[in-house]
C-alpha atoms as a PDB file:
ATOM      1  CA  UNK A   1     118.606  86.237  80.047  1.00  0.00           C
ATOM      2  CA  UNK A   2     115.961  83.752  79.427  1.00  0.00           C
ATOM      3  CA  UNK A   3     112.553  84.582  77.525  1.00  0.00           C
ATOM      4  CA  UNK A   4     110.618  83.267  80.692  1.00  0.00           C
ATOM      5  CA  UNK A   5     112.947  84.816  83.365  1.00  0.00           C
ATOM      6  CA  UNK A   6     110.332  87.209  84.328  1.00  0.00           C
ATOM      7  CA  UNK A   7     108.321  84.436  86.012  1.00  0.00           C
ATOM      8  CA  UNK A   8     111.153  83.863  88.704  1.00  0.00           C
ATOM      9  CA  UNK A   9     109.846  85.220  91.830  1.00  0.00           C
ATOM     10  CA  UNK A  10     111.631  87.393  93.952  1.00  0.00           C
ATOM     11  CA  UNK A  11     111.747  87.236  97.537  1.00  0.00           C
ATOM     12  CA  UNK A  12     109.388  90.382  98.128  1.00  0.00           C
ATOM     13  CA  UNK A  13     106.892  88.633  95.665  1.00  0.00           C
ATOM     14  CA  UNK A  14     106.953  85.413  97.674  1.00  0.00           C
ATOM     15  CA  UNK A  15     106.131  87.350 100.870  1.00  0.00           C
ATOM     16  CA  UNK A  16     103.294  89.037  98.907  1.00  0.00           C
ATOM     17  CA  UNK A  17     101.814  85.478  97.949  1.00  0.00           C
ATOM     18  CA  UNK A  18     102.107  84.447 101.475  1.00  0.00           C
ATOM     19  CA  UNK A  19     100.224  87.381 102.538  1.00  0.00           C
ATOM     20  CA  UNK A  20      97.603  86.747  99.745  1.00  0.00           C
ATOM     21  CA  UNK A  21      97.218  83.308 101.113  1.00  0.00           C
ATOM     22  CA  UNK A  22      96.923  84.630 104.645  1.00  0.00           C
ATOM     23  CA  UNK A  23      94.298  86.459 103.644  1.00  0.00           C
ATOM     24  CA  UNK A  24      92.497  83.706 101.887  1.00  0.00           C
ATOM     25  CA  UNK A  25      92.644  81.826 105.014  1.00  0.00           C
ATOM     26  CA  UNK A  26      90.821  84.770 106.839  1.00  0.00           C
ATOM     27  CA  UNK A  27      88.424  85.048 104.078  1.00  0.00           C
ATOM     28  CA  UNK A  28      87.765  81.111 104.433  1.00  0.00           C
ATOM     29  CA  UNK A  29      87.141  81.339 108.246  1.00  0.00           C
ATOM     30  CA  UNK A  30      84.956  84.287 107.983  1.00  0.00           C
ATOM     31  CA  UNK A  31      83.022  82.900 104.967  1.00  0.00           C
ATOM     32  CA  UNK A  32      79.375  82.242 105.400  1.00  0.00           C
ATOM     33  CA  UNK A  33      79.823  78.905 103.891  1.00  0.00           C
ATOM     34  CA  UNK A  34      78.796  75.807 105.973  1.00  0.00           C
ATOM     35  CA  UNK A  35      82.048  74.451 107.475  1.00  0.00           C
ATOM     36  CA  UNK A  36      82.083  71.219 105.295  1.00  0.00           C
ATOM     37  CA  UNK A  37      82.517  73.315 102.337  1.00  0.00           C
ATOM     38  CA  UNK A  38      85.707  75.405 103.730  1.00  0.00           C
ATOM     39  CA  UNK A  39      88.510  73.279 102.064  1.00  0.00           C
ATOM     40  CA  UNK A  40      86.748  73.832  98.666  1.00  0.00           C
ATOM     41  CA  UNK A  41      86.499  77.554  99.380  1.00  0.00           C
ATOM     42  CA  UNK A  42      89.679  77.875 100.689  1.00  0.00           C
ATOM     43  CA  UNK A  43      91.170  76.270  97.676  1.00  0.00           C
ATOM     44  CA  UNK A  44      89.141  78.597  95.217  1.00  0.00           C
ATOM     45  CA  UNK A  45      90.191  81.674  97.133  1.00  0.00           C
ATOM     46  CA  UNK A  46      93.772  80.788  97.408  1.00  0.00           C
ATOM     47  CA  UNK A  47      94.036  79.677  93.648  1.00  0.00           C
ATOM     48  CA  UNK A  48      92.447  82.912  92.285  1.00  0.00           C
ATOM     49  CA  UNK A  49      94.742  85.002  94.781  1.00  0.00           C
ATOM     50  CA  UNK A  50      97.929  83.096  93.678  1.00  0.00           C
ATOM     51  CA  UNK A  51      96.975  83.607  89.972  1.00  0.00           C
ATOM     52  CA  UNK A  52      96.645  87.235  90.371  1.00  0.00           C
ATOM     53  CA  UNK A  53      99.830  87.377  92.428  1.00  0.00           C
ATOM     54  CA  UNK A  54     101.927  85.535  90.026  1.00  0.00           C
ATOM     55  CA  UNK A  55     100.358  87.446  87.049  1.00  0.00           C
ATOM     56  CA  UNK A  56     100.993  90.694  88.929  1.00  0.00           C
ATOM     57  CA  UNK A  57     104.594  90.102  89.542  1.00  0.00           C
ATOM     58  CA  UNK A  58     104.984  88.750  85.923  1.00  0.00           C
ATOM     59  CA  UNK A  59     103.824  91.892  84.569  1.00  0.00           C
ATOM     60  CA  UNK A  60     106.066  93.935  86.830  1.00  0.00           C
ATOM     61  CA  UNK A  61     108.976  91.948  86.073  1.00  0.00           C
ATOM     62  CA  UNK A  62     108.345  92.194  82.246  1.00  0.00           C
ATOM     63  CA  UNK A  63     107.990  95.868  82.385  1.00  0.00           C
ATOM     64  CA  UNK A  64     111.495  96.107  84.291  1.00  0.00           C
ATOM     65  CA  UNK A  65     113.197  93.902  81.621  1.00  0.00           C
ATOM     66  CA  UNK A  66     111.372  95.900  78.813  1.00  0.00           C
ATOM     67  CA  UNK A  67     112.581  99.168  80.200  1.00  0.00           C
ATOM     68  CA  UNK A  68     115.947  98.255  80.666  1.00  0.00           C
ATOM     69  CA  UNK A  69     116.200  96.792  77.099  1.00  0.00           C
ATOM     70  CA  UNK A  70     114.759 100.117  75.987  1.00  0.00           C
ATOM     71  CA  UNK A  71     117.476 101.897  77.868  1.00  0.00           C
ATOM     72  CA  UNK A  72     120.553  99.702  76.450  1.00  0.00           C
ATOM     73  CA  UNK A  73     119.256  99.985  72.895  1.00  0.00           C
ATOM     74  CA  UNK A  74     119.152 103.803  73.074  1.00  0.00           C
ATOM     75  CA  UNK A  75     122.418 103.923  74.379  1.00  0.00           C
ATOM     76  CA  UNK A  76     121.284 105.190  77.861  1.00  0.00           C
ATOM     77  CA  UNK A  77     122.893 104.426  81.363  1.00  0.00           C
ATOM     78  CA  UNK A  78     121.035 101.958  83.143  1.00  0.00           C
ATOM     79  CA  UNK A  79     120.700 103.432  86.309  1.00  0.00           C
ATOM     80  CA  UNK A  80     120.092 107.136  85.667  1.00  0.00           C
ATOM     81  CA  UNK A  81     119.558 107.350  81.826  1.00  0.00           C
ATOM     82  CA  UNK A  82     122.093 109.502  80.999  1.00  0.00           C
ATOM     83  CA  UNK A  83     122.873 109.467  77.328  1.00  0.00           C
ATOM     84  CA  UNK A  84     126.380 107.375  76.960  1.00  0.00           C
ATOM     85  CA  UNK A  85     126.387 107.294  72.874  1.00  0.00           C
ATOM     86  CA  UNK A  86     129.829 109.445  72.616  1.00  0.00           C
ATOM     87  CA  UNK A  87     131.279 108.131  75.940  1.00  0.00           C
ATOM     88  CA  UNK A  88     134.480 106.543  75.438  1.00  0.00           C
ATOM     89  CA  UNK A  89     135.268 105.591  79.125  1.00  0.00           C
ATOM     90  CA  UNK A  90     132.550 102.895  79.675  1.00  0.00           C
ATOM     91  CA  UNK A  91     131.255 104.961  82.951  1.00  0.00           C
ATOM     92  CA  UNK A  92     128.526 107.092  83.295  1.00  0.00           C
ATOM     93  CA  UNK A  93     129.682 110.491  84.512  1.00  0.00           C
ATOM     94  CA  UNK A  94     126.335 111.348  86.220  1.00  0.00           C
ATOM     95  CA  UNK A  95     126.177 108.292  88.681  1.00  0.00           C
ATOM     96  CA  UNK A  96     129.635 106.347  88.064  1.00  0.00           C
ATOM     97  CA  UNK A  97     127.486 103.189  86.920  1.00  0.00           C
ATOM     98  CA  UNK A  98     129.901 101.039  84.582  1.00  0.00           C
ATOM     99  CA  UNK A  99     128.349 100.645  80.963  1.00  0.00           C
ATOM    100  CA  UNK A 100     126.746  97.235  80.475  1.00  0.00           C
END
């Protein structure tokens, strides 16, 4: 897995970013700024919301990767966390997930 793979957005993240862009559009149309400043205000709202969304998604993915790596290092099942250190079969007896 690449060091930067946590930056690849999931479909849910893309939907979330789309919702945020829609919210930015609503904020622009409801903003008290004069109409000639709407493109600038819209760009600023959209840029700020996009940065927050991408940062949040990146942190969530990073936390997921860190959790998975911690489970793997301790010899635990990736799905349920069952201790597989003495397991010779390669399959978790709790949930049936093959050892990775």
